[in-house]
């Protein structure tokens, strides 16, 4: 998950100047079919071009203010290094999403 952690660390640094070692947090994997994914977190238009099912690699980070950042990075179940989509949920609300490089 080193590659995935670096994507999140880079995102936090570039956008919010937050430096963190995300690999200190645990990772969880969840396999979801499109009908199980809340459209508030991945809009229908974005989801339509993604494989079904998706494997989500999830981790969280609590900052010094007590805010919880939950990151979900989506890949094909058979190719976990090729990420299709990333979303961030901040304090239980959809915050942002992007296509990882």
PDB file of N, CA and C in Angstrom:
ATOM      1  N   UNK A   1       0.824  -1.191   0.000  1.00  0.00           N
ATOM      2  CA  UNK A   1       0.000   0.000   0.000  1.00  0.00           C
ATOM      3  C   UNK A   1       0.872   1.260   0.000  1.00  0.00           C
ATOM      4  N   UNK A   2       2.171   1.074  -0.119  1.00  0.00           N
ATOM      5  CA  UNK A   2       3.081   2.216  -0.133  1.00  0.00           C
ATOM      6  C   UNK A   2       2.707   3.210  -1.230  1.00  0.00           C
ATOM      7  N   UNK A   3       2.431   2.701  -2.439  1.00  0.00           N
ATOM      8  CA  UNK A   3       2.054   3.554  -3.574  1.00  0.00           C
ATOM      9  C   UNK A   3       0.775   4.328  -3.257  1.00  0.00           C
ATOM     10  N   UNK A   4      -0.214   3.657  -2.685  1.00  0.00           N
ATOM     11  CA  UNK A   4      -1.488   4.290  -2.358  1.00  0.00           C
ATOM     12  C   UNK A   4      -1.293   5.368  -1.292  1.00  0.00           C
ATOM     13  N   UNK A   5      -0.477   5.058  -0.299  1.00  0.00           N
ATOM     14  CA  UNK A   5      -0.196   6.025   0.758  1.00  0.00           C
ATOM     15  C   UNK A   5       0.458   7.285   0.222  1.00  0.00           C
ATOM     16  N   UNK A   6       1.368   7.124  -0.726  1.00  0.00           N
ATOM     17  CA  UNK A   6       2.056   8.281  -1.314  1.00  0.00           C
ATOM     18  C   UNK A   6       1.070   9.181  -2.066  1.00  0.00           C
ATOM     19  N   UNK A   7       0.071   8.585  -2.714  1.00  0.00           N
ATOM     20  CA  UNK A   7      -0.944   9.377  -3.421  1.00  0.00           C
ATOM     21  C   UNK A   7      -1.704  10.254  -2.428  1.00  0.00           C
ATOM     22  N   UNK A   8      -2.089   9.686  -1.306  1.00  0.00           N
ATOM     23  CA  UNK A   8      -2.832  10.449  -0.294  1.00  0.00           C
ATOM     24  C   UNK A   8      -1.942  11.505   0.343  1.00  0.00           C
ATOM     25  N   UNK A   9      -0.715  11.137   0.686  1.00  0.00           N
ATOM     26  CA  UNK A   9       0.215  12.097   1.281  1.00  0.00           C
ATOM     27  C   UNK A   9       0.441  13.282   0.351  1.00  0.00           C
ATOM     28  N   UNK A  10       0.619  13.007  -0.929  1.00  0.00           N
ATOM     29  CA  UNK A  10       0.825  14.071  -1.912  1.00  0.00           C
ATOM     30  C   UNK A  10      -0.407  14.966  -2.010  1.00  0.00           C
ATOM     31  N   UNK A  11      -1.588  14.367  -2.041  1.00  0.00           N
ATOM     32  CA  UNK A  11      -2.840  15.123  -2.103  1.00  0.00           C
ATOM     33  C   UNK A  11      -2.964  16.058  -0.895  1.00  0.00           C
ATOM     34  N   UNK A  12      -2.729  15.536   0.309  1.00  0.00           N
ATOM     35  CA  UNK A  12      -2.854  16.360   1.517  1.00  0.00           C
ATOM     36  C   UNK A  12      -1.822  17.491   1.527  1.00  0.00           C
ATOM     37  N   UNK A  13      -0.611  17.209   1.094  1.00  0.00           N
ATOM     38  CA  UNK A  13       0.427  18.237   1.107  1.00  0.00           C
ATOM     39  C   UNK A  13       0.151  19.321   0.067  1.00  0.00           C
ATOM     40  N   UNK A  14      -0.148  18.922  -1.167  1.00  0.00           N
ATOM     41  CA  UNK A  14      -0.362  19.891  -2.248  1.00  0.00           C
ATOM     42  C   UNK A  14      -1.577  20.783  -2.011  1.00  0.00           C
ATOM     43  N   UNK A  15      -2.622  20.228  -1.435  1.00  0.00           N
ATOM     44  CA  UNK A  15      -3.865  20.976  -1.283  1.00  0.00           C
ATOM     45  C   UNK A  15      -4.039  21.658   0.073  1.00  0.00           C
ATOM     46  N   UNK A  16      -3.440  21.109   1.125  1.00  0.00           N
ATOM     47  CA  UNK A  16      -3.699  21.640   2.475  1.00  0.00           C
ATOM     48  C   UNK A  16      -2.444  21.823   3.316  1.00  0.00           C
ATOM     49  N   UNK A  17      -1.290  21.555   2.753  1.00  0.00           N
ATOM     50  CA  UNK A  17      -0.010  21.633   3.467  1.00  0.00           C
ATOM     51  C   UNK A  17      -0.033  20.825   4.761  1.00  0.00           C
ATOM     52  N   UNK A  18      -0.642  19.644   4.666  1.00  0.00           N
ATOM     53  CA  UNK A  18      -0.664  18.705   5.788  1.00  0.00           C
ATOM     54  C   UNK A  18       0.356  17.613   5.476  1.00  0.00           C
ATOM     55  N   UNK A  19       1.330  17.459   6.367  1.00  0.00           N
ATOM     56  CA  UNK A  19       2.333  16.409   6.211  1.00  0.00           C
ATOM     57  C   UNK A  19       1.969  15.253   7.142  1.00  0.00           C
ATOM     58  N   UNK A  20       1.857  14.061   6.569  1.00  0.00           N
ATOM     59  CA  UNK A  20       1.463  12.897   7.345  1.00  0.00           C
ATOM     60  C   UNK A  20       2.068  11.642   6.715  1.00  0.00           C
ATOM     61  N   UNK A  21       2.395  10.657   7.546  1.00  0.00           N
ATOM     62  CA  UNK A  21       2.796   9.338   7.062  1.00  0.00           C
ATOM     63  C   UNK A  21       1.550   8.467   7.122  1.00  0.00           C
ATOM     64  N   UNK A  22       0.829   8.380   6.013  1.00  0.00           N
ATOM     65  CA  UNK A  22      -0.466   7.704   5.996  1.00  0.00           C
ATOM     66  C   UNK A  22      -0.320   6.210   6.267  1.00  0.00           C
ATOM     67  N   UNK A  23       0.861   5.642   6.038  1.00  0.00           N
ATOM     68  CA  UNK A  23       1.038   4.219   6.278  1.00  0.00           C
ATOM     69  C   UNK A  23       1.059   3.867   7.764  1.00  0.00           C
ATOM     70  N   UNK A  24       1.052   4.875   8.630  1.00  0.00           N
ATOM     71  CA  UNK A  24       0.899   4.608  10.059  1.00  0.00           C
ATOM     72  C   UNK A  24      -0.538   4.206  10.379  1.00  0.00           C
ATOM     73  N   UNK A  25      -1.448   4.544   9.475  1.00  0.00           N
ATOM     74  CA  UNK A  25      -2.849   4.158   9.621  1.00  0.00           C
ATOM     75  C   UNK A  25      -3.036   2.789   8.985  1.00  0.00           C
ATOM     76  N   UNK A  26      -4.064   2.084   9.423  1.00  0.00           N
ATOM     77  CA  UNK A  26      -4.360   0.787   8.823  1.00  0.00           C
ATOM     78  C   UNK A  26      -5.123   0.943   7.523  1.00  0.00           C
ATOM     79  N   UNK A  27      -5.084  -0.092   6.704  1.00  0.00           N
ATOM     80  CA  UNK A  27      -5.804  -0.123   5.435  1.00  0.00           C
ATOM     81  C   UNK A  27      -6.850  -1.214   5.505  1.00  0.00           C
ATOM     82  N   UNK A  28      -7.956  -0.989   4.824  1.00  0.00           N
ATOM     83  CA  UNK A  28      -9.014  -1.981   4.719  1.00  0.00           C
ATOM     84  C   UNK A  28      -9.428  -2.060   3.255  1.00  0.00           C
ATOM     85  N   UNK A  29      -9.699  -3.258   2.780  1.00  0.00           N
ATOM     86  CA  UNK A  29     -10.162  -3.440   1.414  1.00  0.00           C
ATOM     87  C   UNK A  29     -11.606  -3.903   1.405  1.00  0.00           C
ATOM     88  N   UNK A  30     -12.404  -3.322   0.501  1.00  0.00           N
ATOM     89  CA  UNK A  30     -13.812  -3.684   0.374  1.00  0.00           C
ATOM     90  C   UNK A  30     -14.150  -3.790  -1.109  1.00  0.00           C
ATOM     91  N   UNK A  31     -14.731  -4.911  -1.504  1.00  0.00           N
ATOM     92  CA  UNK A  31     -15.165  -5.125  -2.876  1.00  0.00           C
ATOM     93  C   UNK A  31     -16.630  -4.727  -2.983  1.00  0.00           C
ATOM     94  N   UNK A  32     -16.928  -3.766  -3.860  1.00  0.00           N
ATOM     95  CA  UNK A  32     -18.305  -3.279  -4.018  1.00  0.00           C
ATOM     96  C   UNK A  32     -18.720  -3.295  -5.483  1.00  0.00           C
ATOM     97  N   UNK A  33     -19.956  -3.735  -5.712  1.00  0.00           N
ATOM     98  CA  UNK A  33     -20.564  -3.630  -7.037  1.00  0.00           C
ATOM     99  C   UNK A  33     -21.186  -2.237  -7.156  1.00  0.00           C
ATOM    100  N   UNK A  34     -21.385  -1.790  -8.372  1.00  0.00           N
ATOM    101  CA  UNK A  34     -21.900  -0.438  -8.607  1.00  0.00           C
ATOM    102  C   UNK A  34     -23.176  -0.154  -7.826  1.00  0.00           C
ATOM    103  N   UNK A  35     -24.084  -1.110  -7.766  1.00  0.00           N
ATOM    104  CA  UNK A  35     -25.348  -0.853  -7.062  1.00  0.00           C
ATOM    105  C   UNK A  35     -25.165  -0.666  -5.556  1.00  0.00           C
ATOM    106  N   UNK A  36     -24.011  -1.015  -5.017  1.00  0.00           N
ATOM    107  CA  UNK A  36     -23.735  -0.852  -3.587  1.00  0.00           C
ATOM    108  C   UNK A  36     -23.058   0.481  -3.257  1.00  0.00           C
ATOM    109  N   UNK A  37     -22.698   1.243  -4.275  1.00  0.00           N
ATOM    110  CA  UNK A  37     -21.931   2.477  -4.077  1.00  0.00           C
ATOM    111  C   UNK A  37     -22.869   3.673  -4.045  1.00  0.00           C
ATOM    112  N   UNK A  38     -22.756   4.458  -3.001  1.00  0.00           N
ATOM    113  CA  UNK A  38     -23.577   5.656  -2.828  1.00  0.00           C
ATOM    114  C   UNK A  38     -23.173   6.700  -3.871  1.00  0.00           C
ATOM    115  N   UNK A  39     -24.141   7.183  -4.635  1.00  0.00           N
ATOM    116  CA  UNK A  39     -23.867   8.153  -5.699  1.00  0.00           C
ATOM    117  C   UNK A  39     -23.454   9.518  -5.145  1.00  0.00           C
ATOM    118  N   UNK A  40     -23.618   9.735  -3.869  1.00  0.00           N
ATOM    119  CA  UNK A  40     -23.135  10.969  -3.251  1.00  0.00           C
ATOM    120  C   UNK A  40     -21.602  10.968  -3.209  1.00  0.00           C
ATOM    121  N   UNK A  41     -20.999   9.776  -3.230  1.00  0.00           N
ATOM    122  CA  UNK A  41     -19.549   9.673  -3.153  1.00  0.00           C
ATOM    123  C   UNK A  41     -18.892   9.453  -4.505  1.00  0.00           C
ATOM    124  N   UNK A  42     -19.577   8.752  -5.400  1.00  0.00           N
ATOM    125  CA  UNK A  42     -19.112   8.634  -6.789  1.00  0.00           C
ATOM    126  C   UNK A  42     -20.324   8.878  -7.676  1.00  0.00           C
ATOM    127  N   UNK A  43     -20.355  10.009  -8.363  1.00  0.00           N
ATOM    128  CA  UNK A  43     -21.505  10.328  -9.216  1.00  0.00           C
ATOM    129  C   UNK A  43     -21.717   9.290 -10.319  1.00  0.00           C
ATOM    130  N   UNK A  44     -22.954   9.149 -10.737  1.00  0.00           N
ATOM    131  CA  UNK A  44     -23.332   8.160 -11.754  1.00  0.00           C
ATOM    132  C   UNK A  44     -22.481   8.281 -13.012  1.00  0.00           C
ATOM    133  N   UNK A  45     -22.241   9.501 -13.476  1.00  0.00           N
ATOM    134  CA  UNK A  45     -21.439   9.699 -14.685  1.00  0.00           C
ATOM    135  C   UNK A  45     -20.023   9.163 -14.547  1.00  0.00           C
ATOM    136  N   UNK A  46     -19.411   9.356 -13.394  1.00  0.00           N
ATOM    137  CA  UNK A  46     -18.067   8.833 -13.147  1.00  0.00           C
ATOM    138  C   UNK A  46     -18.100   7.313 -13.005  1.00  0.00           C
ATOM    139  N   UNK A  47     -19.093   6.821 -12.290  1.00  0.00           N
ATOM    140  CA  UNK A  47     -19.204   5.391 -12.033  1.00  0.00           C
ATOM    141  C   UNK A  47     -19.436   4.598 -13.310  1.00  0.00           C
ATOM    142  N   UNK A  48     -20.163   5.165 -14.253  1.00  0.00           N
ATOM    143  CA  UNK A  48     -20.519   4.462 -15.487  1.00  0.00           C
ATOM    144  C   UNK A  48     -19.305   4.005 -16.290  1.00  0.00           C
ATOM    145  N   UNK A  49     -18.187   4.700 -16.170  1.00  0.00           N
ATOM    146  CA  UNK A  49     -16.997   4.338 -16.946  1.00  0.00           C
ATOM    147  C   UNK A  49     -16.009   3.469 -16.162  1.00  0.00           C
ATOM    148  N   UNK A  50     -16.365   3.123 -14.931  1.00  0.00           N
ATOM    149  CA  UNK A  50     -15.482   2.319 -14.087  1.00  0.00           C
ATOM    150  C   UNK A  50     -15.886   0.849 -14.133  1.00  0.00           C
ATOM    151  N   UNK A  51     -14.930  -0.071 -13.901  1.00  0.00           N
ATOM    152  CA  UNK A  51     -15.262  -1.497 -13.904  1.00  0.00           C
ATOM    153  C   UNK A  51     -16.219  -1.850 -12.763  1.00  0.00           C
ATOM    154  N   UNK A  52     -16.920  -2.937 -12.928  1.00  0.00           N
ATOM    155  CA  UNK A  52     -17.850  -3.424 -11.912  1.00  0.00           C
ATOM    156  C   UNK A  52     -17.525  -4.891 -11.648  1.00  0.00           C
ATOM    157  N   UNK A  53     -17.110  -5.242 -10.439  1.00  0.00           N
ATOM    158  CA  UNK A  53     -17.031  -4.463  -9.206  1.00  0.00           C
ATOM    159  C   UNK A  53     -15.720  -3.680  -9.110  1.00  0.00           C
ATOM    160  N   UNK A  54     -15.637  -2.858  -8.060  1.00  0.00           N
ATOM    161  CA  UNK A  54     -14.429  -2.107  -7.738  1.00  0.00           C
ATOM    162  C   UNK A  54     -13.910  -2.558  -6.376  1.00  0.00           C
ATOM    163  N   UNK A  55     -12.602  -2.585  -6.249  1.00  0.00           N
ATOM    164  CA  UNK A  55     -11.988  -2.854  -4.964  1.00  0.00           C
ATOM    165  C   UNK A  55     -11.571  -1.511  -4.370  1.00  0.00           C
ATOM    166  N   UNK A  56     -12.109  -1.187  -3.202  1.00  0.00           N
ATOM    167  CA  UNK A  56     -11.779   0.069  -2.525  1.00  0.00           C
ATOM    168  C   UNK A  56     -10.743  -0.190  -1.445  1.00  0.00           C
ATOM    169  N   UNK A  57      -9.667   0.581  -1.496  1.00  0.00           N
ATOM    170  CA  UNK A  57      -8.605   0.543  -0.493  1.00  0.00           C
ATOM    171  C   UNK A  57      -8.862   1.762   0.387  1.00  0.00           C
ATOM    172  N   UNK A  58      -9.158   1.539   1.657  1.00  0.00           N
ATOM    173  CA  UNK A  58      -9.574   2.648   2.514  1.00  0.00           C
ATOM    174  C   UNK A  58      -8.656   2.800   3.715  1.00  0.00           C
ATOM    175  N   UNK A  59      -8.436   4.056   4.062  1.00  0.00           N
ATOM    176  CA  UNK A  59      -7.664   4.402   5.244  1.00  0.00           C
ATOM    177  C   UNK A  59      -8.197   5.719   5.777  1.00  0.00           C
ATOM    178  N   UNK A  60      -7.901   6.004   7.020  1.00  0.00           N
ATOM    179  CA  UNK A  60      -8.349   7.267   7.598  1.00  0.00           C
ATOM    180  C   UNK A  60      -7.200   7.940   8.334  1.00  0.00           C
ATOM    181  N   UNK A  61      -7.405   9.216   8.557  1.00  0.00           N
ATOM    182  CA  UNK A  61      -6.407  10.044   9.231  1.00  0.00           C
ATOM    183  C   UNK A  61      -7.151  11.069  10.074  1.00  0.00           C
ATOM    184  N   UNK A  62      -6.758  11.211  11.327  1.00  0.00           N
ATOM    185  CA  UNK A  62      -7.348  12.241  12.182  1.00  0.00           C
ATOM    186  C   UNK A  62      -6.316  13.340  12.374  1.00  0.00           C
ATOM    187  N   UNK A  63      -6.695  14.575  12.006  1.00  0.00           N
ATOM    188  CA  UNK A  63      -5.747  15.678  12.114  1.00  0.00           C
ATOM    189  C   UNK A  63      -5.747  16.252  13.535  1.00  0.00           C
ATOM    190  N   UNK A  64      -4.880  17.229  13.742  1.00  0.00           N
ATOM    191  CA  UNK A  64      -4.705  17.806  15.082  1.00  0.00           C
ATOM    192  C   UNK A  64      -5.939  18.549  15.583  1.00  0.00           C
ATOM    193  N   UNK A  65      -6.872  18.879  14.689  1.00  0.00           N
ATOM    194  CA  UNK A  65      -8.110  19.555  15.088  1.00  0.00           C
ATOM    195  C   UNK A  65      -9.231  18.569  15.399  1.00  0.00           C
ATOM    196  N   UNK A  66      -8.941  17.272  15.253  1.00  0.00           N
ATOM    197  CA  UNK A  66      -9.939  16.248  15.510  1.00  0.00           C
ATOM    198  C   UNK A  66     -10.813  15.913  14.313  1.00  0.00           C
ATOM    199  N   UNK A  67     -10.504  16.474  13.145  1.00  0.00           N
ATOM    200  CA  UNK A  67     -11.257  16.154  11.939  1.00  0.00           C
ATOM    201  C   UNK A  67     -10.810  14.794  11.400  1.00  0.00           C
ATOM    202  N   UNK A  68     -11.775  13.994  10.950  1.00  0.00           N
ATOM    203  CA  UNK A  68     -11.447  12.694  10.394  1.00  0.00           C
ATOM    204  C   UNK A  68     -11.521  12.728   8.872  1.00  0.00           C
ATOM    205  N   UNK A  69     -10.425  12.371   8.246  1.00  0.00           N
ATOM    206  CA  UNK A  69     -10.303  12.280   6.793  1.00  0.00           C
ATOM    207  C   UNK A  69     -10.358  10.793   6.442  1.00  0.00           C
ATOM    208  N   UNK A  70     -11.328  10.384   5.642  1.00  0.00           N
ATOM    209  CA  UNK A  70     -11.426   9.009   5.172  1.00  0.00           C
ATOM    210  C   UNK A  70     -11.148   9.013   3.677  1.00  0.00           C
ATOM    211  N   UNK A  71     -10.186   8.211   3.258  1.00  0.00           N
ATOM    212  CA  UNK A  71      -9.821   8.118   1.853  1.00  0.00           C
ATOM    213  C   UNK A  71     -10.193   6.752   1.315  1.00  0.00           C
ATOM    214  N   UNK A  72     -10.779   6.720   0.126  1.00  0.00           N
ATOM    215  CA  UNK A  72     -11.107   5.476  -0.564  1.00  0.00           C
ATOM    216  C   UNK A  72     -10.532   5.559  -1.976  1.00  0.00           C
ATOM    217  N   UNK A  73      -9.645   4.638  -2.288  1.00  0.00           N
ATOM    218  CA  UNK A  73      -9.014   4.581  -3.607  1.00  0.00           C
ATOM    219  C   UNK A  73      -9.541   3.333  -4.311  1.00  0.00           C
ATOM    220  N   UNK A  74     -10.088   3.497  -5.500  1.00  0.00           N
ATOM    221  CA  UNK A  74     -10.728   2.399  -6.217  1.00  0.00           C
ATOM    222  C   UNK A  74      -9.825   1.823  -7.298  1.00  0.00           C
ATOM    223  N   UNK A  75      -9.759   0.500  -7.338  1.00  0.00           N
ATOM    224  CA  UNK A  75      -8.991  -0.192  -8.374  1.00  0.00           C
ATOM    225  C   UNK A  75      -9.811  -1.364  -8.899  1.00  0.00           C
ATOM    226  N   UNK A  76      -9.309  -1.975  -9.963  1.00  0.00           N
ATOM    227  CA  UNK A  76      -9.876  -3.234 -10.427  1.00  0.00           C
ATOM    228  C   UNK A  76      -9.447  -4.299  -9.414  1.00  0.00           C
ATOM    229  N   UNK A  77     -10.306  -5.251  -9.095  1.00  0.00           N
ATOM    230  CA  UNK A  77      -9.939  -6.266  -8.098  1.00  0.00           C
ATOM    231  C   UNK A  77      -8.688  -7.070  -8.463  1.00  0.00           C
ATOM    232  N   UNK A  78      -8.394  -7.212  -9.753  1.00  0.00           N
ATOM    233  CA  UNK A  78      -7.236  -8.002 -10.184  1.00  0.00           C
ATOM    234  C   UNK A  78      -5.989  -7.170 -10.446  1.00  0.00           C
ATOM    235  N   UNK A  79      -6.075  -5.868 -10.305  1.00  0.00           N
ATOM    236  CA  UNK A  79      -4.942  -4.974 -10.573  1.00  0.00           C
ATOM    237  C   UNK A  79      -4.969  -3.826  -9.561  1.00  0.00           C
ATOM    238  N   UNK A  80      -4.509  -4.093  -8.355  1.00  0.00           N
ATOM    239  CA  UNK A  80      -4.645  -3.123  -7.257  1.00  0.00           C
ATOM    240  C   UNK A  80      -3.736  -1.908  -7.400  1.00  0.00           C
ATOM    241  N   UNK A  81      -2.733  -1.975  -8.252  1.00  0.00           N
ATOM    242  CA  UNK A  81      -1.828  -0.829  -8.422  1.00  0.00           C
ATOM    243  C   UNK A  81      -2.394   0.222  -9.368  1.00  0.00           C
ATOM    244  N   UNK A  82      -3.289  -0.181 -10.270  1.00  0.00           N
ATOM    245  CA  UNK A  82      -3.876   0.740 -11.233  1.00  0.00           C
ATOM    246  C   UNK A  82      -5.138   1.347 -10.637  1.00  0.00           C
ATOM    247  N   UNK A  83      -5.008   2.565 -10.126  1.00  0.00           N
ATOM    248  CA  UNK A  83      -6.137   3.215  -9.452  1.00  0.00           C
ATOM    249  C   UNK A  83      -6.982   4.002 -10.440  1.00  0.00           C
ATOM    250  N   UNK A  84      -8.294   3.829 -10.338  1.00  0.00           N
ATOM    251  CA  UNK A  84      -9.236   4.497 -11.232  1.00  0.00           C
ATOM    252  C   UNK A  84      -9.832   5.768 -10.633  1.00  0.00           C
ATOM    253  N   UNK A  85      -9.983   5.791  -9.321  1.00  0.00           N
ATOM    254  CA  UNK A  85     -10.755   6.871  -8.705  1.00  0.00           C
ATOM    255  C   UNK A  85     -10.338   7.007  -7.242  1.00  0.00           C
ATOM    256  N   UNK A  86     -10.366   8.220  -6.749  1.00  0.00           N
ATOM    257  CA  UNK A  86     -10.084   8.471  -5.338  1.00  0.00           C
ATOM    258  C   UNK A  86     -11.130   9.432  -4.805  1.00  0.00           C
ATOM    259  N   UNK A  87     -11.559   9.188  -3.591  1.00  0.00           N
ATOM    260  CA  UNK A  87     -12.515  10.091  -2.965  1.00  0.00           C
ATOM    261  C   UNK A  87     -12.104  10.317  -1.519  1.00  0.00           C
ATOM    262  N   UNK A  88     -12.433  11.485  -1.020  1.00  0.00           N
ATOM    263  CA  UNK A  88     -12.121  11.855   0.354  1.00  0.00           C
ATOM    264  C   UNK A  88     -13.417  12.261   1.035  1.00  0.00           C
ATOM    265  N   UNK A  89     -13.622  11.706   2.210  1.00  0.00           N
ATOM    266  CA  UNK A  89     -14.776  12.045   3.032  1.00  0.00           C
ATOM    267  C   UNK A  89     -14.214  12.708   4.289  1.00  0.00           C
ATOM    268  N   UNK A  90     -14.662  13.912   4.551  1.00  0.00           N
ATOM    269  CA  UNK A  90     -14.176  14.669   5.704  1.00  0.00           C
ATOM    270  C   UNK A  90     -15.312  14.806   6.704  1.00  0.00           C
ATOM    271  N   UNK A  91     -15.096  14.263   7.900  1.00  0.00           N
ATOM    272  CA  UNK A  91     -16.105  14.305   8.967  1.00  0.00           C
ATOM    273  C   UNK A  91     -17.474  13.795   8.480  1.00  0.00           C
ATOM    274  N   UNK A  92     -17.456  12.619   7.823  1.00  0.00           N
ATOM    275  CA  UNK A  92     -18.666  11.919   7.373  1.00  0.00           C
ATOM    276  C   UNK A  92     -19.417  12.585   6.237  1.00  0.00           C
ATOM    277  N   UNK A  93     -18.797  13.540   5.534  1.00  0.00           N
ATOM    278  CA  UNK A  93     -19.449  14.173   4.390  1.00  0.00           C
ATOM    279  C   UNK A  93     -18.522  14.122   3.180  1.00  0.00           C
ATOM    280  N   UNK A  94     -19.108  13.855   2.006  1.00  0.00           N
ATOM    281  CA  UNK A  94     -18.319  13.830   0.784  1.00  0.00           C
ATOM    282  C   UNK A  94     -17.596  15.168   0.656  1.00  0.00           C
ATOM    283  N   UNK A  95     -16.303  15.110   0.428  1.00  0.00           N
ATOM    284  CA  UNK A  95     -15.500  16.321   0.424  1.00  0.00           C
ATOM    285  C   UNK A  95     -14.932  16.613  -0.956  1.00  0.00           C
ATOM    286  N   UNK A  96     -14.251  15.635  -1.540  1.00  0.00           N
ATOM    287  CA  UNK A  96     -13.666  15.822  -2.866  1.00  0.00           C
ATOM    288  C   UNK A  96     -13.371  14.470  -3.490  1.00  0.00           C
ATOM    289  N   UNK A  97     -13.185  14.487  -4.801  1.00  0.00           N
ATOM    290  CA  UNK A  97     -12.781  13.274  -5.499  1.00  0.00           C
ATOM    291  C   UNK A  97     -11.880  13.674  -6.668  1.00  0.00           C
ATOM    292  N   UNK A  98     -11.083  12.725  -7.128  1.00  0.00           N
ATOM    293  CA  UNK A  98     -10.171  12.990  -8.218  1.00  0.00           C
ATOM    294  C   UNK A  98      -9.743  11.667  -8.861  1.00  0.00           C
ATOM    295  N   UNK A  99      -9.138  11.779 -10.023  1.00  0.00           N
ATOM    296  CA  UNK A  99      -8.581  10.629 -10.725  1.00  0.00           C
ATOM    297  C   UNK A  99      -7.089  10.593 -10.401  1.00  0.00           C
ATOM    298  N   UNK A 100      -6.625   9.560  -9.712  1.00  0.00           N
ATOM    299  CA  UNK A 100      -5.198   9.497  -9.362  1.00  0.00           C
ATOM    300  C   UNK A 100      -4.307   9.348 -10.592  1.00  0.00           C
ATOM    301  N   UNK A 101      -3.120   9.901 -10.510  1.00  0.00           N
ATOM    302  CA  UNK A 101      -2.155   9.790 -11.630  1.00  0.00           C
ATOM    303  C   UNK A 101      -1.520   8.423 -11.601  1.00  0.00           C
TER     304      UNK A 101
END
